[in-house]
């Protein structure tokens, strides 16, 4: 996310020059990061379910999945992703529109 924000600095500067508030920019960056995380979680949970069913057919006494563990893991990954998106989002809030436009 830090790389994406650094690449989009001029876009963020234009948005702020046209009237976007720092809260809207924060929400934009955080939303982009969490959207990517949600897609990854959906694919990961689907893969986990498929792998659990496959292992259940191969091994004796292995359950197909522990929903509590899957939910806890997904929640932990979502929390870590949110923390990882917070610093770049805060940095994007502080972009000076004039400096971003001049750098382009």
N, C-alpha and C. Protein backbone atom coordinates (compact mmCIF):
# COMPACT_ATOMS: atom_id res chain seq x y z
N UNK A 1 0.82 -1.19 0.00
CA UNK A 1 0.00 0.00 0.00
C UNK A 1 0.86 1.25 0.00
N UNK A 2 2.00 1.19 0.67
CA UNK A 2 2.87 2.36 0.68
C UNK A 2 3.37 2.67 -0.73
N UNK A 3 3.67 1.64 -1.49
CA UNK A 3 4.12 1.83 -2.87
C UNK A 3 3.00 2.41 -3.73
N UNK A 4 1.79 1.89 -3.55
CA UNK A 4 0.65 2.38 -4.32
C UNK A 4 0.38 3.85 -4.01
N UNK A 5 0.46 4.21 -2.75
CA UNK A 5 0.24 5.61 -2.36
C UNK A 5 1.33 6.50 -2.95
N UNK A 6 2.58 6.03 -2.94
CA UNK A 6 3.65 6.85 -3.51
C UNK A 6 3.47 7.01 -5.02
N UNK A 7 2.94 5.99 -5.68
CA UNK A 7 2.69 6.08 -7.12
C UNK A 7 1.49 6.99 -7.43
N UNK A 8 0.55 7.07 -6.52
CA UNK A 8 -0.67 7.85 -6.75
C UNK A 8 -0.62 9.24 -6.10
N UNK A 9 0.55 9.70 -5.72
CA UNK A 9 0.67 10.99 -5.03
C UNK A 9 0.11 12.12 -5.89
N UNK A 10 0.40 12.12 -7.17
CA UNK A 10 -0.11 13.20 -8.02
C UNK A 10 -1.63 13.13 -8.14
N UNK A 11 -2.18 11.93 -8.23
CA UNK A 11 -3.64 11.78 -8.28
C UNK A 11 -4.28 12.29 -6.99
N UNK A 12 -3.66 11.94 -5.87
CA UNK A 12 -4.19 12.39 -4.58
C UNK A 12 -4.09 13.91 -4.48
N UNK A 13 -2.98 14.47 -4.99
CA UNK A 13 -2.84 15.92 -5.00
C UNK A 13 -3.91 16.61 -5.83
N UNK A 14 -4.23 16.03 -6.97
CA UNK A 14 -5.28 16.59 -7.83
C UNK A 14 -6.63 16.50 -7.11
N UNK A 15 -6.90 15.36 -6.50
CA UNK A 15 -8.16 15.21 -5.77
C UNK A 15 -8.30 16.26 -4.67
N UNK A 16 -7.20 16.47 -3.94
CA UNK A 16 -7.24 17.45 -2.85
C UNK A 16 -7.34 18.87 -3.39
N UNK A 17 -6.70 19.14 -4.54
CA UNK A 17 -6.78 20.47 -5.14
C UNK A 17 -8.20 20.75 -5.63
N UNK A 18 -8.92 19.70 -6.02
CA UNK A 18 -10.29 19.87 -6.50
C UNK A 18 -11.32 19.85 -5.37
N UNK A 19 -10.86 19.71 -4.14
CA UNK A 19 -11.78 19.84 -3.02
C UNK A 19 -11.98 18.62 -2.15
N UNK A 20 -11.28 17.55 -2.40
CA UNK A 20 -11.43 16.37 -1.55
C UNK A 20 -10.83 16.66 -0.17
N UNK A 21 -11.52 16.23 0.84
CA UNK A 21 -11.00 16.43 2.20
C UNK A 21 -10.01 15.33 2.54
N UNK A 22 -9.25 15.56 3.57
CA UNK A 22 -8.28 14.55 3.98
C UNK A 22 -8.99 13.29 4.45
N UNK A 23 -10.17 13.43 5.01
CA UNK A 23 -10.94 12.26 5.44
C UNK A 23 -11.35 11.40 4.23
N UNK A 24 -11.73 12.05 3.14
CA UNK A 24 -12.10 11.31 1.93
C UNK A 24 -10.90 10.58 1.33
N UNK A 25 -9.74 11.21 1.35
CA UNK A 25 -8.52 10.58 0.85
C UNK A 25 -8.15 9.39 1.74
N UNK A 26 -8.27 9.56 3.04
CA UNK A 26 -8.01 8.48 3.99
C UNK A 26 -8.92 7.30 3.70
N UNK A 27 -10.20 7.58 3.52
CA UNK A 27 -11.18 6.53 3.24
C UNK A 27 -10.88 5.85 1.90
N UNK A 28 -10.43 6.61 0.91
CA UNK A 28 -10.10 6.05 -0.40
C UNK A 28 -8.95 5.04 -0.29
N UNK A 29 -7.88 5.44 0.37
CA UNK A 29 -6.71 4.56 0.48
C UNK A 29 -7.02 3.35 1.35
N UNK A 30 -7.68 3.58 2.47
CA UNK A 30 -8.02 2.46 3.35
C UNK A 30 -9.00 1.52 2.66
N UNK A 31 -9.95 2.05 1.93
CA UNK A 31 -10.91 1.21 1.20
C UNK A 31 -10.24 0.37 0.13
N UNK A 32 -9.27 0.95 -0.59
CA UNK A 32 -8.55 0.17 -1.61
C UNK A 32 -7.80 -1.00 -0.98
N UNK A 33 -7.14 -0.73 0.12
CA UNK A 33 -6.38 -1.79 0.79
C UNK A 33 -7.28 -2.88 1.36
N UNK A 34 -8.38 -2.48 1.95
CA UNK A 34 -9.28 -3.46 2.54
C UNK A 34 -10.05 -4.23 1.46
N UNK A 35 -10.28 -3.62 0.33
CA UNK A 35 -10.92 -4.34 -0.78
C UNK A 35 -10.01 -5.46 -1.27
N UNK A 36 -8.72 -5.18 -1.40
CA UNK A 36 -7.77 -6.21 -1.80
C UNK A 36 -7.70 -7.33 -0.75
N UNK A 37 -7.75 -6.93 0.50
CA UNK A 37 -7.72 -7.92 1.58
C UNK A 37 -8.96 -8.80 1.56
N UNK A 38 -10.11 -8.21 1.31
CA UNK A 38 -11.35 -8.99 1.28
C UNK A 38 -11.32 -10.00 0.14
N UNK A 39 -10.82 -9.61 -1.01
CA UNK A 39 -10.71 -10.54 -2.13
C UNK A 39 -9.77 -11.70 -1.76
N UNK A 40 -8.66 -11.37 -1.15
CA UNK A 40 -7.72 -12.41 -0.73
C UNK A 40 -8.31 -13.33 0.32
N UNK A 41 -9.08 -12.78 1.25
CA UNK A 41 -9.71 -13.61 2.27
C UNK A 41 -10.75 -14.54 1.67
N UNK A 42 -11.53 -14.05 0.73
CA UNK A 42 -12.54 -14.91 0.10
C UNK A 42 -11.87 -16.06 -0.64
N UNK A 43 -10.83 -15.75 -1.40
CA UNK A 43 -10.11 -16.80 -2.12
C UNK A 43 -9.44 -17.77 -1.14
N UNK A 44 -8.85 -17.24 -0.08
CA UNK A 44 -8.19 -18.08 0.91
C UNK A 44 -9.14 -18.99 1.67
N UNK A 45 -10.29 -18.47 2.07
CA UNK A 45 -11.27 -19.28 2.79
C UNK A 45 -11.83 -20.35 1.87
N UNK A 46 -12.08 -20.00 0.61
CA UNK A 46 -12.58 -21.00 -0.35
C UNK A 46 -11.53 -22.10 -0.56
N UNK A 47 -10.29 -21.71 -0.67
CA UNK A 47 -9.21 -22.70 -0.80
C UNK A 47 -9.06 -23.55 0.44
N UNK A 48 -9.24 -22.95 1.59
CA UNK A 48 -9.17 -23.69 2.85
C UNK A 48 -10.28 -24.73 2.95
N UNK A 49 -11.48 -24.34 2.54
CA UNK A 49 -12.60 -25.29 2.57
C UNK A 49 -12.35 -26.44 1.61
N UNK A 50 -11.88 -26.11 0.41
CA UNK A 50 -11.60 -27.15 -0.59
C UNK A 50 -10.49 -28.08 -0.11
N UNK A 51 -9.43 -27.52 0.45
CA UNK A 51 -8.32 -28.35 0.94
C UNK A 51 -8.77 -29.21 2.12
N UNK A 52 -9.62 -28.66 2.98
CA UNK A 52 -10.12 -29.44 4.11
C UNK A 52 -10.95 -30.63 3.67
N UNK A 53 -11.79 -30.43 2.68
CA UNK A 53 -12.59 -31.54 2.16
C UNK A 53 -11.72 -32.58 1.47
N UNK A 54 -10.71 -32.11 0.75
CA UNK A 54 -9.81 -33.03 0.08
C UNK A 54 -9.03 -33.86 1.10
N UNK A 55 -8.52 -33.21 2.15
CA UNK A 55 -7.78 -33.93 3.19
C UNK A 55 -8.68 -34.89 3.96
N UNK A 56 -9.92 -34.51 4.14
CA UNK A 56 -10.87 -35.40 4.83
C UNK A 56 -11.06 -36.69 4.06
N UNK A 57 -11.05 -36.61 2.73
CA UNK A 57 -11.22 -37.82 1.93
C UNK A 57 -9.97 -38.68 1.93
N UNK A 58 -8.81 -38.09 2.21
CA UNK A 58 -7.55 -38.85 2.19
C UNK A 58 -7.16 -39.41 3.54
N UNK A 59 -7.48 -38.72 4.61
CA UNK A 59 -7.02 -39.10 5.94
C UNK A 59 -8.17 -39.54 6.83
N UNK A 60 -7.88 -40.48 7.69
CA UNK A 60 -8.88 -40.99 8.62
C UNK A 60 -8.91 -40.10 9.86
N UNK A 61 -10.08 -39.68 10.28
CA UNK A 61 -10.24 -38.93 11.52
C UNK A 61 -9.94 -37.44 11.41
N UNK A 62 -9.81 -36.92 10.22
CA UNK A 62 -9.55 -35.50 10.04
C UNK A 62 -10.86 -34.83 9.66
N UNK A 63 -11.21 -33.77 10.39
CA UNK A 63 -12.44 -33.03 10.10
C UNK A 63 -12.28 -32.18 8.85
N UNK A 64 -13.41 -31.77 8.30
CA UNK A 64 -13.35 -30.98 7.06
C UNK A 64 -13.02 -29.51 7.33
N UNK A 65 -13.19 -29.06 8.53
CA UNK A 65 -12.84 -27.67 8.81
C UNK A 65 -13.33 -27.24 10.18
N UNK A 66 -12.57 -26.39 10.79
CA UNK A 66 -12.94 -25.82 12.08
C UNK A 66 -13.34 -24.37 11.80
N UNK A 67 -14.64 -24.08 11.85
CA UNK A 67 -15.13 -22.77 11.47
C UNK A 67 -14.67 -21.68 12.42
N UNK A 68 -14.50 -22.02 13.69
CA UNK A 68 -14.04 -21.02 14.66
C UNK A 68 -12.60 -20.59 14.34
N UNK A 69 -11.75 -21.56 14.02
CA UNK A 69 -10.36 -21.25 13.68
C UNK A 69 -10.29 -20.46 12.37
N UNK A 70 -11.10 -20.83 11.41
CA UNK A 70 -11.12 -20.11 10.13
C UNK A 70 -11.57 -18.67 10.33
N UNK A 71 -12.61 -18.47 11.12
CA UNK A 71 -13.11 -17.12 11.37
C UNK A 71 -12.09 -16.29 12.16
N UNK A 72 -11.44 -16.92 13.14
CA UNK A 72 -10.44 -16.20 13.93
C UNK A 72 -9.25 -15.80 13.07
N UNK A 73 -8.83 -16.69 12.20
CA UNK A 73 -7.70 -16.40 11.31
C UNK A 73 -8.05 -15.29 10.33
N UNK A 74 -9.24 -15.36 9.77
CA UNK A 74 -9.67 -14.31 8.83
C UNK A 74 -9.77 -12.96 9.54
N UNK A 75 -10.28 -12.97 10.76
CA UNK A 75 -10.38 -11.72 11.53
C UNK A 75 -9.01 -11.14 11.84
N UNK A 76 -8.07 -12.00 12.19
CA UNK A 76 -6.72 -11.55 12.50
C UNK A 76 -6.05 -10.98 11.25
N UNK A 77 -6.21 -11.65 10.13
CA UNK A 77 -5.64 -11.14 8.89
C UNK A 77 -6.25 -9.80 8.48
N UNK A 78 -7.54 -9.65 8.70
CA UNK A 78 -8.21 -8.39 8.39
C UNK A 78 -7.69 -7.26 9.28
N UNK A 79 -7.48 -7.56 10.56
CA UNK A 79 -6.95 -6.55 11.49
C UNK A 79 -5.53 -6.15 11.12
N UNK A 80 -4.70 -7.11 10.76
CA UNK A 80 -3.32 -6.80 10.37
C UNK A 80 -3.30 -5.98 9.08
N UNK A 81 -4.16 -6.33 8.14
CA UNK A 81 -4.24 -5.57 6.88
C UNK A 81 -4.69 -4.14 7.14
N UNK A 82 -5.62 -3.97 8.06
CA UNK A 82 -6.07 -2.62 8.38
C UNK A 82 -4.94 -1.80 8.99
N UNK A 83 -4.18 -2.41 9.87
CA UNK A 83 -3.03 -1.71 10.45
C UNK A 83 -1.98 -1.39 9.39
N UNK A 84 -1.80 -2.30 8.44
CA UNK A 84 -0.82 -2.08 7.37
C UNK A 84 -1.26 -0.97 6.43
N UNK A 85 -2.55 -0.73 6.32
CA UNK A 85 -3.06 0.33 5.45
C UNK A 85 -3.14 1.68 6.15
N UNK A 86 -3.10 1.70 7.46
CA UNK A 86 -3.27 2.95 8.19
C UNK A 86 -2.13 3.94 7.95
N UNK A 87 -0.88 3.47 7.98
CA UNK A 87 0.25 4.39 7.80
C UNK A 87 0.27 5.02 6.41
N UNK A 88 0.13 4.25 5.33
CA UNK A 88 0.07 4.90 4.02
C UNK A 88 -1.14 5.82 3.87
N UNK A 89 -2.26 5.46 4.49
CA UNK A 89 -3.45 6.31 4.40
C UNK A 89 -3.22 7.63 5.13
N UNK A 90 -2.57 7.56 6.27
CA UNK A 90 -2.26 8.80 7.00
C UNK A 90 -1.28 9.67 6.22
N UNK A 91 -0.33 9.02 5.54
CA UNK A 91 0.62 9.78 4.73
C UNK A 91 -0.09 10.43 3.54
N UNK A 92 -1.05 9.74 2.97
CA UNK A 92 -1.81 10.30 1.85
C UNK A 92 -2.63 11.49 2.28
N UNK A 93 -3.10 11.49 3.53
CA UNK A 93 -3.88 12.63 4.03
C UNK A 93 -3.06 13.91 4.07
N UNK A 94 -1.76 13.77 4.24
CA UNK A 94 -0.89 14.93 4.42
C UNK A 94 -0.25 15.42 3.12
N UNK A 95 -0.70 14.91 1.99
CA UNK A 95 -0.13 15.33 0.71
C UNK A 95 -0.49 16.79 0.47
N UNK A 96 0.53 17.57 0.15
CA UNK A 96 0.32 18.98 -0.20
C UNK A 96 -0.06 19.03 -1.68
N UNK A 97 -1.25 19.52 -2.00
CA UNK A 97 -1.69 19.51 -3.41
C UNK A 97 -0.75 20.27 -4.34
N UNK A 98 -0.25 21.39 -3.91
CA UNK A 98 0.62 22.18 -4.78
C UNK A 98 1.95 21.48 -5.03
N UNK A 99 2.51 20.87 -3.99
CA UNK A 99 3.78 20.15 -4.17
C UNK A 99 3.58 18.93 -5.07
N UNK A 100 2.45 18.25 -4.93
CA UNK A 100 2.19 17.07 -5.77
C UNK A 100 2.00 17.47 -7.22
N UNK A 101 1.34 18.59 -7.45
CA UNK A 101 1.13 19.05 -8.83
C UNK A 101 2.42 19.57 -9.46
N UNK A 102 3.25 20.22 -8.66
CA UNK A 102 4.53 20.72 -9.17
C UNK A 102 5.48 19.57 -9.50
N UNK A 103 5.43 18.50 -8.73
CA UNK A 103 6.34 17.36 -8.96
C UNK A 103 6.02 16.65 -10.26
N UNK A 104 4.80 16.78 -10.72
CA UNK A 104 4.39 16.10 -11.95
C UNK A 104 4.92 16.88 -13.10
